[in-house]
């Protein structure tokens, strides 16, 4: 994926930055999105899980249909959320 494609994805979903970590994230999204596998996104609150899920959906073959997702809360003392996405 070239720099213009990265910028398009970032603009579409609101992912900010151009660090190596962001580039790796976008590359992973680009590799996973066209597949038909399930993806579990985990992380602490505010780390961009929903943005990553949205980017995967927009890059998938099902981008024209609305995403269907479920959010499960685990370990509320640490405010960690697990979001399960079905697209």
PDB file of N, CA and C in Angstrom:
ATOM      1  N   UNK A   1       0.859  -1.174   0.000  1.00  0.00           N
ATOM      2  CA  UNK A   1       0.000   0.000   0.000  1.00  0.00           C
ATOM      3  C   UNK A   1       0.900   1.231   0.000  1.00  0.00           C
ATOM      4  N   UNK A   2       0.615   2.191  -0.872  1.00  0.00           N
ATOM      5  CA  UNK A   2       1.459   3.379  -0.931  1.00  0.00           C
ATOM      6  C   UNK A   2       0.949   4.469   0.020  1.00  0.00           C
ATOM      7  N   UNK A   3       1.708   5.540   0.118  1.00  0.00           N
ATOM      8  CA  UNK A   3       1.404   6.616   1.064  1.00  0.00           C
ATOM      9  C   UNK A   3       0.041   7.248   0.821  1.00  0.00           C
ATOM     10  N   UNK A   4      -0.355   7.393  -0.444  1.00  0.00           N
ATOM     11  CA  UNK A   4      -1.663   7.979  -0.744  1.00  0.00           C
ATOM     12  C   UNK A   4      -2.790   7.096  -0.227  1.00  0.00           C
ATOM     13  N   UNK A   5      -2.648   5.787  -0.372  1.00  0.00           N
ATOM     14  CA  UNK A   5      -3.670   4.873   0.133  1.00  0.00           C
ATOM     15  C   UNK A   5      -3.748   4.942   1.652  1.00  0.00           C
ATOM     16  N   UNK A   6      -2.602   5.042   2.325  1.00  0.00           N
ATOM     17  CA  UNK A   6      -2.608   5.188   3.779  1.00  0.00           C
ATOM     18  C   UNK A   6      -3.347   6.445   4.190  1.00  0.00           C
ATOM     19  N   UNK A   7      -3.051   7.540   3.506  1.00  0.00           N
ATOM     20  CA  UNK A   7      -3.719   8.804   3.845  1.00  0.00           C
ATOM     21  C   UNK A   7      -5.225   8.723   3.620  1.00  0.00           C
ATOM     22  N   UNK A   8      -5.647   8.031   2.568  1.00  0.00           N
ATOM     23  CA  UNK A   8      -7.079   7.868   2.310  1.00  0.00           C
ATOM     24  C   UNK A   8      -7.764   7.109   3.440  1.00  0.00           C
ATOM     25  N   UNK A   9      -7.141   6.026   3.873  1.00  0.00           N
ATOM     26  CA  UNK A   9      -7.717   5.252   4.977  1.00  0.00           C
ATOM     27  C   UNK A   9      -7.766   6.099   6.236  1.00  0.00           C
ATOM     28  N   UNK A  10      -6.672   6.767   6.538  1.00  0.00           N
ATOM     29  CA  UNK A  10      -6.623   7.600   7.732  1.00  0.00           C
ATOM     30  C   UNK A  10      -7.690   8.681   7.694  1.00  0.00           C
ATOM     31  N   UNK A  11      -7.864   9.313   6.552  1.00  0.00           N
ATOM     32  CA  UNK A  11      -8.869  10.370   6.401  1.00  0.00           C
ATOM     33  C   UNK A  11     -10.277   9.806   6.567  1.00  0.00           C
ATOM     34  N   UNK A  12     -10.528   8.639   5.979  1.00  0.00           N
ATOM     35  CA  UNK A  12     -11.861   8.031   6.038  1.00  0.00           C
ATOM     36  C   UNK A  12     -12.299   7.710   7.460  1.00  0.00           C
ATOM     37  N   UNK A  13     -11.378   7.273   8.302  1.00  0.00           N
ATOM     38  CA  UNK A  13     -11.766   6.819   9.636  1.00  0.00           C
ATOM     39  C   UNK A  13     -11.259   7.684  10.775  1.00  0.00           C
ATOM     40  N   UNK A  14     -10.353   8.609  10.501  1.00  0.00           N
ATOM     41  CA  UNK A  14      -9.868   9.495  11.546  1.00  0.00           C
ATOM     42  C   UNK A  14      -8.665   8.974  12.309  1.00  0.00           C
ATOM     43  N   UNK A  15      -7.882   8.084  11.702  1.00  0.00           N
ATOM     44  CA  UNK A  15      -6.653   7.624  12.335  1.00  0.00           C
ATOM     45  C   UNK A  15      -5.581   8.683  12.092  1.00  0.00           C
ATOM     46  N   UNK A  16      -4.999   9.189  13.169  1.00  0.00           N
ATOM     47  CA  UNK A  16      -4.018  10.258  13.062  1.00  0.00           C
ATOM     48  C   UNK A  16      -2.597   9.731  13.220  1.00  0.00           C
ATOM     49  N   UNK A  17      -1.656  10.394  12.579  1.00  0.00           N
ATOM     50  CA  UNK A  17      -0.250  10.081  12.768  1.00  0.00           C
ATOM     51  C   UNK A  17       0.375   9.425  11.557  1.00  0.00           C
ATOM     52  N   UNK A  18       1.717   9.426  11.551  1.00  0.00           N
ATOM     53  CA  UNK A  18       2.438   8.774  10.467  1.00  0.00           C
ATOM     54  C   UNK A  18       3.662   8.040  10.993  1.00  0.00           C
ATOM     55  N   UNK A  19       3.566   7.581  12.231  1.00  0.00           N
ATOM     56  CA  UNK A  19       4.668   6.839  12.842  1.00  0.00           C
ATOM     57  C   UNK A  19       4.764   5.443  12.229  1.00  0.00           C
ATOM     58  N   UNK A  20       5.835   4.763  12.525  1.00  0.00           N
ATOM     59  CA  UNK A  20       6.009   3.388  12.050  1.00  0.00           C
ATOM     60  C   UNK A  20       4.896   2.491  12.594  1.00  0.00           C
ATOM     61  N   UNK A  21       4.488   2.706  13.842  1.00  0.00           N
ATOM     62  CA  UNK A  21       3.407   1.901  14.434  1.00  0.00           C
ATOM     63  C   UNK A  21       2.093   2.091  13.668  1.00  0.00           C
ATOM     64  N   UNK A  22       1.781   3.326  13.290  1.00  0.00           N
ATOM     65  CA  UNK A  22       0.562   3.594  12.520  1.00  0.00           C
ATOM     66  C   UNK A  22       0.666   2.950  11.147  1.00  0.00           C
ATOM     67  N   UNK A  23       1.815   3.047  10.515  1.00  0.00           N
ATOM     68  CA  UNK A  23       1.990   2.410   9.199  1.00  0.00           C
ATOM     69  C   UNK A  23       1.822   0.899   9.288  1.00  0.00           C
ATOM     70  N   UNK A  24       2.340   0.288  10.360  1.00  0.00           N
ATOM     71  CA  UNK A  24       2.179  -1.153  10.545  1.00  0.00           C
ATOM     72  C   UNK A  24       0.711  -1.513  10.764  1.00  0.00           C
ATOM     73  N   UNK A  25       0.012  -0.688  11.530  1.00  0.00           N
ATOM     74  CA  UNK A  25      -1.411  -0.917  11.755  1.00  0.00           C
ATOM     75  C   UNK A  25      -2.174  -0.870  10.437  1.00  0.00           C
ATOM     76  N   UNK A  26      -1.931   0.150   9.633  1.00  0.00           N
ATOM     77  CA  UNK A  26      -2.636   0.292   8.360  1.00  0.00           C
ATOM     78  C   UNK A  26      -2.292  -0.848   7.408  1.00  0.00           C
ATOM     79  N   UNK A  27      -1.048  -1.287   7.424  1.00  0.00           N
ATOM     80  CA  UNK A  27      -0.641  -2.413   6.587  1.00  0.00           C
ATOM     81  C   UNK A  27      -1.374  -3.691   7.013  1.00  0.00           C
ATOM     82  N   UNK A  28      -1.486  -3.895   8.314  1.00  0.00           N
ATOM     83  CA  UNK A  28      -2.211  -5.061   8.828  1.00  0.00           C
ATOM     84  C   UNK A  28      -3.685  -4.992   8.449  1.00  0.00           C
ATOM     85  N   UNK A  29      -4.275  -3.823   8.593  1.00  0.00           N
ATOM     86  CA  UNK A  29      -5.679  -3.632   8.202  1.00  0.00           C
ATOM     87  C   UNK A  29      -5.848  -3.962   6.730  1.00  0.00           C
ATOM     88  N   UNK A  30      -4.931  -3.492   5.901  1.00  0.00           N
ATOM     89  CA  UNK A  30      -5.023  -3.731   4.459  1.00  0.00           C
ATOM     90  C   UNK A  30      -4.889  -5.215   4.120  1.00  0.00           C
ATOM     91  N   UNK A  31      -4.109  -5.946   4.891  1.00  0.00           N
ATOM     92  CA  UNK A  31      -3.952  -7.378   4.653  1.00  0.00           C
ATOM     93  C   UNK A  31      -5.146  -8.178   5.140  1.00  0.00           C
ATOM     94  N   UNK A  32      -5.726  -7.771   6.261  1.00  0.00           N
ATOM     95  CA  UNK A  32      -6.808  -8.534   6.883  1.00  0.00           C
ATOM     96  C   UNK A  32      -8.170  -8.223   6.261  1.00  0.00           C
ATOM     97  N   UNK A  33      -8.406  -6.977   5.889  1.00  0.00           N
ATOM     98  CA  UNK A  33      -9.732  -6.539   5.446  1.00  0.00           C
ATOM     99  C   UNK A  33     -10.339  -7.362   4.311  1.00  0.00           C
ATOM    100  N   UNK A  34      -9.595  -7.737   3.291  1.00  0.00           N
ATOM    101  CA  UNK A  34     -10.230  -8.478   2.199  1.00  0.00           C
ATOM    102  C   UNK A  34     -10.485  -9.958   2.505  1.00  0.00           C
ATOM    103  N   UNK A  35     -10.048 -10.435   3.654  1.00  0.00           N
ATOM    104  CA  UNK A  35     -10.241 -11.850   3.988  1.00  0.00           C
ATOM    105  C   UNK A  35     -11.593 -12.066   4.643  1.00  0.00           C
ATOM    106  N   UNK A  36     -11.933 -13.320   4.821  1.00  0.00           N
ATOM    107  CA  UNK A  36     -13.197 -13.671   5.452  1.00  0.00           C
ATOM    108  C   UNK A  36     -12.951 -14.261   6.840  1.00  0.00           C
ATOM    109  N   UNK A  37     -11.950 -13.753   7.550  1.00  0.00           N
ATOM    110  CA  UNK A  37     -11.639 -14.268   8.877  1.00  0.00           C
ATOM    111  C   UNK A  37     -12.219 -13.345   9.940  1.00  0.00           C
ATOM    112  N   UNK A  38     -12.402 -13.889  11.122  1.00  0.00           N
ATOM    113  CA  UNK A  38     -12.855 -13.086  12.256  1.00  0.00           C
ATOM    114  C   UNK A  38     -11.654 -12.416  12.892  1.00  0.00           C
ATOM    115  N   UNK A  39     -11.861 -11.199  13.358  1.00  0.00           N
ATOM    116  CA  UNK A  39     -10.777 -10.434  13.981  1.00  0.00           C
ATOM    117  C   UNK A  39     -11.256  -9.956  15.338  1.00  0.00           C
ATOM    118  N   UNK A  40     -10.439 -10.178  16.343  1.00  0.00           N
ATOM    119  CA  UNK A  40     -10.729  -9.700  17.685  1.00  0.00           C
ATOM    120  C   UNK A  40      -9.780  -8.543  17.976  1.00  0.00           C
ATOM    121  N   UNK A  41     -10.340  -7.399  18.288  1.00  0.00           N
ATOM    122  CA  UNK A  41      -9.542  -6.199  18.574  1.00  0.00           C
ATOM    123  C   UNK A  41      -9.634  -5.945  20.073  1.00  0.00           C
ATOM    124  N   UNK A  42      -8.506  -5.909  20.731  1.00  0.00           N
ATOM    125  CA  UNK A  42      -8.494  -5.674  22.175  1.00  0.00           C
ATOM    126  C   UNK A  42      -7.615  -4.476  22.491  1.00  0.00           C
ATOM    127  N   UNK A  43      -7.833  -3.915  23.656  1.00  0.00           N
ATOM    128  CA  UNK A  43      -6.999  -2.803  24.099  1.00  0.00           C
ATOM    129  C   UNK A  43      -7.720  -1.961  25.123  1.00  0.00           C
ATOM    130  N   UNK A  44      -6.973  -1.094  25.727  1.00  0.00           N
ATOM    131  CA  UNK A  44      -7.554  -0.216  26.733  1.00  0.00           C
ATOM    132  C   UNK A  44      -8.431   0.840  26.078  1.00  0.00           C
ATOM    133  N   UNK A  45      -9.279   1.427  26.880  1.00  0.00           N
ATOM    134  CA  UNK A  45     -10.191   2.457  26.410  1.00  0.00           C
ATOM    135  C   UNK A  45      -9.405   3.616  25.798  1.00  0.00           C
ATOM    136  N   UNK A  46      -9.858   4.083  24.636  1.00  0.00           N
ATOM    137  CA  UNK A  46      -9.243   5.245  24.005  1.00  0.00           C
ATOM    138  C   UNK A  46      -8.058   4.943  23.114  1.00  0.00           C
ATOM    139  N   UNK A  47      -7.808   3.676  22.813  1.00  0.00           N
ATOM    140  CA  UNK A  47      -6.642   3.339  21.992  1.00  0.00           C
ATOM    141  C   UNK A  47      -6.949   3.220  20.502  1.00  0.00           C
ATOM    142  N   UNK A  48      -8.199   3.412  20.091  1.00  0.00           N
ATOM    143  CA  UNK A  48      -8.532   3.417  18.672  1.00  0.00           C
ATOM    144  C   UNK A  48      -9.045   2.106  18.111  1.00  0.00           C
ATOM    145  N   UNK A  49      -9.547   1.229  18.975  1.00  0.00           N
ATOM    146  CA  UNK A  49     -10.080  -0.058  18.505  1.00  0.00           C
ATOM    147  C   UNK A  49     -11.212   0.141  17.508  1.00  0.00           C
ATOM    148  N   UNK A  50     -12.103   1.058  17.811  1.00  0.00           N
ATOM    149  CA  UNK A  50     -13.244   1.295  16.931  1.00  0.00           C
ATOM    150  C   UNK A  50     -12.797   1.863  15.579  1.00  0.00           C
ATOM    151  N   UNK A  51     -11.783   2.711  15.583  1.00  0.00           N
ATOM    152  CA  UNK A  51     -11.258   3.251  14.323  1.00  0.00           C
ATOM    153  C   UNK A  51     -10.636   2.149  13.476  1.00  0.00           C
ATOM    154  N   UNK A  52      -9.907   1.241  14.110  1.00  0.00           N
ATOM    155  CA  UNK A  52      -9.308   0.119  13.381  1.00  0.00           C
ATOM    156  C   UNK A  52     -10.406  -0.765  12.792  1.00  0.00           C
ATOM    157  N   UNK A  53     -11.458  -1.023  13.566  1.00  0.00           N
ATOM    158  CA  UNK A  53     -12.565  -1.841  13.074  1.00  0.00           C
ATOM    159  C   UNK A  53     -13.258  -1.165  11.890  1.00  0.00           C
ATOM    160  N   UNK A  54     -13.456   0.133  11.990  1.00  0.00           N
ATOM    161  CA  UNK A  54     -14.096   0.880  10.902  1.00  0.00           C
ATOM    162  C   UNK A  54     -13.232   0.835   9.648  1.00  0.00           C
ATOM    163  N   UNK A  55     -11.924   1.003   9.814  1.00  0.00           N
ATOM    164  CA  UNK A  55     -11.017   0.946   8.665  1.00  0.00           C
ATOM    165  C   UNK A  55     -11.066  -0.424   8.006  1.00  0.00           C
ATOM    166  N   UNK A  56     -11.086  -1.494   8.814  1.00  0.00           N
ATOM    167  CA  UNK A  56     -11.177  -2.846   8.241  1.00  0.00           C
ATOM    168  C   UNK A  56     -12.475  -3.017   7.463  1.00  0.00           C
ATOM    169  N   UNK A  57     -13.562  -2.529   8.025  1.00  0.00           N
ATOM    170  CA  UNK A  57     -14.849  -2.658   7.338  1.00  0.00           C
ATOM    171  C   UNK A  57     -14.838  -1.893   6.015  1.00  0.00           C
ATOM    172  N   UNK A  58     -14.325  -0.662   6.030  1.00  0.00           N
ATOM    173  CA  UNK A  58     -14.299   0.146   4.808  1.00  0.00           C
ATOM    174  C   UNK A  58     -13.414  -0.456   3.725  1.00  0.00           C
ATOM    175  N   UNK A  59     -12.396  -1.209   4.111  1.00  0.00           N
ATOM    176  CA  UNK A  59     -11.495  -1.832   3.145  1.00  0.00           C
ATOM    177  C   UNK A  59     -11.960  -3.229   2.741  1.00  0.00           C
ATOM    178  N   UNK A  60     -13.049  -3.722   3.342  1.00  0.00           N
ATOM    179  CA  UNK A  60     -13.520  -5.073   3.062  1.00  0.00           C
ATOM    180  C   UNK A  60     -14.479  -5.088   1.872  1.00  0.00           C
ATOM    181  N   UNK A  61     -14.774  -6.290   1.396  1.00  0.00           N
ATOM    182  CA  UNK A  61     -15.734  -6.441   0.308  1.00  0.00           C
ATOM    183  C   UNK A  61     -17.156  -6.114   0.754  1.00  0.00           C
ATOM    184  N   UNK A  62     -17.375  -6.047   2.061  1.00  0.00           N
ATOM    185  CA  UNK A  62     -18.713  -5.764   2.601  1.00  0.00           C
ATOM    186  C   UNK A  62     -18.884  -4.298   2.989  1.00  0.00           C
ATOM    187  N   UNK A  63     -18.039  -3.441   2.469  1.00  0.00           N
ATOM    188  CA  UNK A  63     -18.051  -2.029   2.863  1.00  0.00           C
ATOM    189  C   UNK A  63     -19.378  -1.334   2.539  1.00  0.00           C
ATOM    190  N   UNK A  64     -20.108  -1.829   1.558  1.00  0.00           N
ATOM    191  CA  UNK A  64     -21.371  -1.191   1.182  1.00  0.00           C
ATOM    192  C   UNK A  64     -22.504  -1.505   2.154  1.00  0.00           C
ATOM    193  N   UNK A  65     -22.344  -2.538   2.967  1.00  0.00           N
ATOM    194  CA  UNK A  65     -23.370  -2.868   3.953  1.00  0.00           C
ATOM    195  C   UNK A  65     -22.966  -2.308   5.311  1.00  0.00           C
ATOM    196  N   UNK A  66     -23.951  -2.044   6.158  1.00  0.00           N
ATOM    197  CA  UNK A  66     -23.596  -1.495   7.474  1.00  0.00           C
ATOM    198  C   UNK A  66     -22.885  -2.546   8.320  1.00  0.00           C
ATOM    199  N   UNK A  67     -21.909  -2.125   9.113  1.00  0.00           N
ATOM    200  CA  UNK A  67     -21.220  -3.093   9.974  1.00  0.00           C
ATOM    201  C   UNK A  67     -22.130  -3.550  11.102  1.00  0.00           C
ATOM    202  N   UNK A  68     -21.946  -4.760  11.524  1.00  0.00           N
ATOM    203  CA  UNK A  68     -22.672  -5.299  12.671  1.00  0.00           C
ATOM    204  C   UNK A  68     -21.617  -5.638  13.711  1.00  0.00           C
ATOM    205  N   UNK A  69     -21.708  -5.048  14.872  1.00  0.00           N
ATOM    206  CA  UNK A  69     -20.700  -5.297  15.887  1.00  0.00           C
ATOM    207  C   UNK A  69     -21.341  -5.452  17.253  1.00  0.00           C
ATOM    208  N   UNK A  70     -20.612  -6.099  18.110  1.00  0.00           N
ATOM    209  CA  UNK A  70     -21.027  -6.277  19.497  1.00  0.00           C
ATOM    210  C   UNK A  70     -19.873  -5.842  20.380  1.00  0.00           C
ATOM    211  N   UNK A  71     -20.196  -5.211  21.470  1.00  0.00           N
ATOM    212  CA  UNK A  71     -19.168  -4.791  22.412  1.00  0.00           C
ATOM    213  C   UNK A  71     -19.387  -5.537  23.718  1.00  0.00           C
ATOM    214  N   UNK A  72     -18.332  -6.140  24.201  1.00  0.00           N
ATOM    215  CA  UNK A  72     -18.374  -6.861  25.459  1.00  0.00           C
ATOM    216  C   UNK A  72     -17.434  -6.163  26.436  1.00  0.00           C
ATOM    217  N   UNK A  73     -17.875  -5.988  27.653  1.00  0.00           N
ATOM    218  CA  UNK A  73     -17.007  -5.367  28.659  1.00  0.00           C
ATOM    219  C   UNK A  73     -16.386  -6.463  29.515  1.00  0.00           C
ATOM    220  N   UNK A  74     -15.104  -6.313  29.748  1.00  0.00           N
ATOM    221  CA  UNK A  74     -14.373  -7.242  30.604  1.00  0.00           C
ATOM    222  C   UNK A  74     -13.475  -6.431  31.522  1.00  0.00           C
ATOM    223  N   UNK A  75     -13.322  -6.903  32.724  1.00  0.00           N
ATOM    224  CA  UNK A  75     -12.444  -6.263  33.692  1.00  0.00           C
ATOM    225  C   UNK A  75     -12.775  -4.773  33.841  1.00  0.00           C
ATOM    226  N   UNK A  76     -14.012  -4.469  34.296  1.00  0.00           N
ATOM    227  CA  UNK A  76     -14.419  -3.067  34.385  1.00  0.00           C
ATOM    228  C   UNK A  76     -13.549  -2.237  35.325  1.00  0.00           C
ATOM    229  N   UNK A  77     -12.854  -2.865  36.262  1.00  0.00           N
ATOM    230  CA  UNK A  77     -11.977  -2.115  37.156  1.00  0.00           C
ATOM    231  C   UNK A  77     -10.832  -1.447  36.411  1.00  0.00           C
ATOM    232  N   UNK A  78     -10.415  -2.051  35.302  1.00  0.00           N
ATOM    233  CA  UNK A  78      -9.331  -1.468  34.507  1.00  0.00           C
ATOM    234  C   UNK A  78      -9.869  -0.758  33.276  1.00  0.00           C
ATOM    235  N   UNK A  79     -11.184  -0.758  33.085  1.00  0.00           N
ATOM    236  CA  UNK A  79     -11.829  -0.095  31.954  1.00  0.00           C
ATOM    237  C   UNK A  79     -11.290  -0.601  30.614  1.00  0.00           C
ATOM    238  N   UNK A  80     -11.129  -1.913  30.516  1.00  0.00           N
ATOM    239  CA  UNK A  80     -10.695  -2.525  29.264  1.00  0.00           C
ATOM    240  C   UNK A  80     -11.937  -3.061  28.564  1.00  0.00           C
ATOM    241  N   UNK A  81     -12.049  -2.755  27.284  1.00  0.00           N
ATOM    242  CA  UNK A  81     -13.188  -3.208  26.498  1.00  0.00           C
ATOM    243  C   UNK A  81     -12.695  -4.159  25.417  1.00  0.00           C
ATOM    244  N   UNK A  82     -13.535  -5.099  25.088  1.00  0.00           N
ATOM    245  CA  UNK A  82     -13.278  -5.987  23.968  1.00  0.00           C
ATOM    246  C   UNK A  82     -14.413  -5.786  22.988  1.00  0.00           C
ATOM    247  N   UNK A  83     -14.092  -5.494  21.767  1.00  0.00           N
ATOM    248  CA  UNK A  83     -15.099  -5.275  20.737  1.00  0.00           C
ATOM    249  C   UNK A  83     -15.001  -6.408  19.719  1.00  0.00           C
ATOM    250  N   UNK A  84     -16.116  -7.063  19.498  1.00  0.00           N
ATOM    251  CA  UNK A  84     -16.162  -8.139  18.530  1.00  0.00           C
ATOM    252  C   UNK A  84     -16.919  -7.611  17.314  1.00  0.00           C
ATOM    253  N   UNK A  85     -16.335  -7.726  16.145  1.00  0.00           N
ATOM    254  CA  UNK A  85     -16.905  -7.149  14.942  1.00  0.00           C
ATOM    255  C   UNK A  85     -17.307  -8.264  13.973  1.00  0.00           C
ATOM    256  N   UNK A  86     -18.516  -8.209  13.504  1.00  0.00           N
ATOM    257  CA  UNK A  86     -18.956  -9.060  12.399  1.00  0.00           C
ATOM    258  C   UNK A  86     -19.322  -8.119  11.264  1.00  0.00           C
ATOM    259  N   UNK A  87     -18.724  -8.295  10.105  1.00  0.00           N
ATOM    260  CA  UNK A  87     -19.083  -7.422   8.986  1.00  0.00           C
ATOM    261  C   UNK A  87     -19.634  -8.216   7.838  1.00  0.00           C
TER     262      UNK A  87
END
